[in-house]
Amino acid sequence: MRRRIQTHETWFVVAAAVALIAAAVGVWAMTHGTRVAPPEPPSQRAVRQIREQLGRDAELRYSEVGQRRAVCGYVGRTRGGQAVGFVSLTSRILFSDDPLPTEFRDMRERYCPGFLTRPPTG
């Protein structure tokens, strides 16, 4: 006489197969490593953004790391040209002579307090 397979036995076999597949995928991931690139250092990111926005003739003159991976500094749009302030965040860069002066000022105060401000007199 033929024995009938119980439902709980079927679920046990399915669960064991899923566990084996998950273990195989885990071992494969551990041996092949991850392909996630490390985050770009803030100073390199700022140079890249400046070159993308202003071209290869732009030169970074001064930079300092601010809060939350922000970088603030001065850049010349051309070599030897007038210096312009900038604030670089992970997703954007703003310059002091952009048509958004209020947004630039707010970003500068938020991420680089004390940068581009006059020292106290007297």
Protein backbone atom coordinates (compact mmCIF):
# COMPACT_ATOMS: atom_id res chain seq x y z
CA MET A 1 0.00 0.00 0.00
CA ARG A 2 1.25 3.43 -0.89
CA ARG A 3 1.82 6.00 1.90
CA ARG A 4 0.38 9.45 1.42
CA ILE A 5 2.74 12.42 2.00
CA GLN A 6 1.58 14.69 4.79
CA THR A 7 1.31 18.47 4.29
CA HIS A 8 3.73 19.20 7.12
CA GLU A 9 6.34 16.94 5.51
CA THR A 10 5.99 18.87 2.26
CA TRP A 11 6.49 22.19 4.06
CA PHE A 12 9.54 20.79 5.82
CA VAL A 13 11.13 19.83 2.49
CA VAL A 14 10.32 23.25 0.98
CA ALA A 15 11.78 25.07 4.03
CA ALA A 16 14.95 22.97 3.87
CA ALA A 17 15.36 23.74 0.15
CA VAL A 18 14.92 27.48 0.78
CA ALA A 19 17.49 27.35 3.60
CA LEU A 20 19.99 25.58 1.35
CA ILE A 21 19.50 28.13 -1.44
CA ALA A 22 19.89 31.03 1.02
CA ALA A 23 23.08 29.49 2.41
CA ALA A 24 24.48 29.01 -1.10
CA VAL A 25 23.73 32.62 -2.02
CA GLY A 26 25.32 33.81 1.24
CA VAL A 27 28.49 31.82 0.64
CA TRP A 28 28.70 33.08 -2.94
CA ALA A 29 28.25 36.72 -1.78
CA MET A 30 30.95 36.35 0.87
CA THR A 31 33.48 34.80 -1.51
CA HIS A 32 32.89 37.23 -4.38
CA GLY A 33 32.84 40.41 -2.29
CA THR A 34 30.60 43.38 -2.77
CA ARG A 35 30.84 45.75 -5.69
CA VAL A 36 29.81 48.87 -3.76
CA ALA A 37 32.29 51.70 -4.25
CA PRO A 38 33.50 53.47 -1.10
CA PRO A 39 32.18 57.01 -0.65
CA GLU A 40 34.17 59.72 -2.40
CA PRO A 41 36.21 61.87 0.02
CA PRO A 42 34.65 65.34 0.41
CA SER A 43 37.67 67.25 -0.94
CA GLN A 44 37.85 65.07 -4.08
CA ARG A 45 34.09 65.42 -4.56
CA ALA A 46 34.39 69.22 -4.43
CA VAL A 47 37.16 69.23 -7.05
CA ARG A 48 35.08 66.95 -9.30
CA GLN A 49 31.99 69.17 -8.93
CA ILE A 50 34.02 72.32 -9.64
CA ARG A 51 35.48 70.78 -12.81
CA GLU A 52 32.03 69.60 -13.93
CA GLN A 53 30.42 73.02 -13.35
CA LEU A 54 33.21 75.39 -14.34
CA GLY A 55 35.45 73.36 -16.64
CA ARG A 56 39.08 72.34 -16.51
CA ASP A 57 40.39 75.92 -16.28
CA ALA A 58 38.84 76.42 -12.84
CA GLU A 59 41.22 76.18 -9.91
CA LEU A 60 40.54 75.34 -6.30
CA ARG A 61 42.26 77.97 -4.18
CA TYR A 62 41.19 77.10 -0.64
CA SER A 63 38.85 74.57 0.97
CA GLU A 64 37.85 73.44 4.41
CA VAL A 65 35.60 70.61 5.51
CA GLY A 66 32.35 71.74 7.09
CA GLN A 67 29.58 69.86 8.82
CA ARG A 68 27.88 66.75 7.34
CA ARG A 69 30.55 66.10 4.70
CA ALA A 70 30.20 69.61 3.24
CA VAL A 71 33.20 71.45 1.82
CA CYS A 72 33.45 75.23 1.67
CA GLY A 73 36.12 77.26 -0.03
CA TYR A 74 37.22 79.56 -2.81
CA VAL A 75 37.59 78.77 -6.48
CA GLY A 76 38.81 80.79 -9.43
CA ARG A 77 36.63 80.41 -12.52
CA THR A 78 39.79 80.94 -14.58
CA ARG A 79 43.42 80.58 -13.54
CA GLY A 80 44.39 83.80 -11.82
CA GLY A 81 40.81 85.14 -12.03
CA GLN A 82 38.69 86.52 -9.22
CA ALA A 83 37.97 84.12 -6.36
CA VAL A 84 34.40 82.95 -5.77
CA GLY A 85 33.12 81.21 -2.65
CA PHE A 86 31.45 77.81 -2.87
CA VAL A 87 29.64 75.25 -0.73
CA SER A 88 29.82 71.63 -1.91
CA LEU A 89 27.39 69.00 -0.66
CA THR A 90 27.20 65.36 -1.72
CA SER A 91 24.56 66.09 -4.35
CA ARG A 92 25.22 69.69 -5.40
CA ILE A 93 27.53 72.69 -5.36
CA LEU A 94 26.57 76.36 -5.05
CA PHE A 95 28.76 79.39 -5.76
CA SER A 96 28.56 82.80 -4.10
CA ASP A 97 27.89 84.52 -7.43
CA ASP A 98 25.03 82.18 -8.42
CA PRO A 99 21.59 83.72 -8.94
CA LEU A 100 20.48 82.13 -5.64
CA PRO A 101 22.30 84.31 -3.08
CA THR A 102 19.85 83.59 -0.26
CA GLU A 103 20.13 79.83 -0.73
CA PHE A 104 23.94 80.07 -0.87
CA ARG A 105 24.03 82.13 2.33
CA ASP A 106 21.69 79.68 4.11
CA MET A 107 23.78 76.69 3.04
CA ARG A 108 27.01 78.42 4.07
CA GLU A 109 25.62 79.29 7.51
CA ARG A 110 24.20 75.80 8.00
CA TYR A 111 27.15 73.69 6.83
CA CYS A 112 30.17 76.02 7.32
CA PRO A 113 29.40 78.51 10.09
CA GLY A 114 32.00 81.25 10.22
CA PHE A 115 33.18 80.77 6.66
CA LEU A 116 33.11 83.86 4.38
CA THR A 117 32.30 86.14 7.28
CA ARG A 118 34.23 89.19 8.36
CA PRO A 119 36.13 88.94 11.61
CA PRO A 120 34.72 91.02 14.46
CA THR A 121 36.08 94.56 14.58
CA GLY A 122 37.45 96.29 17.62
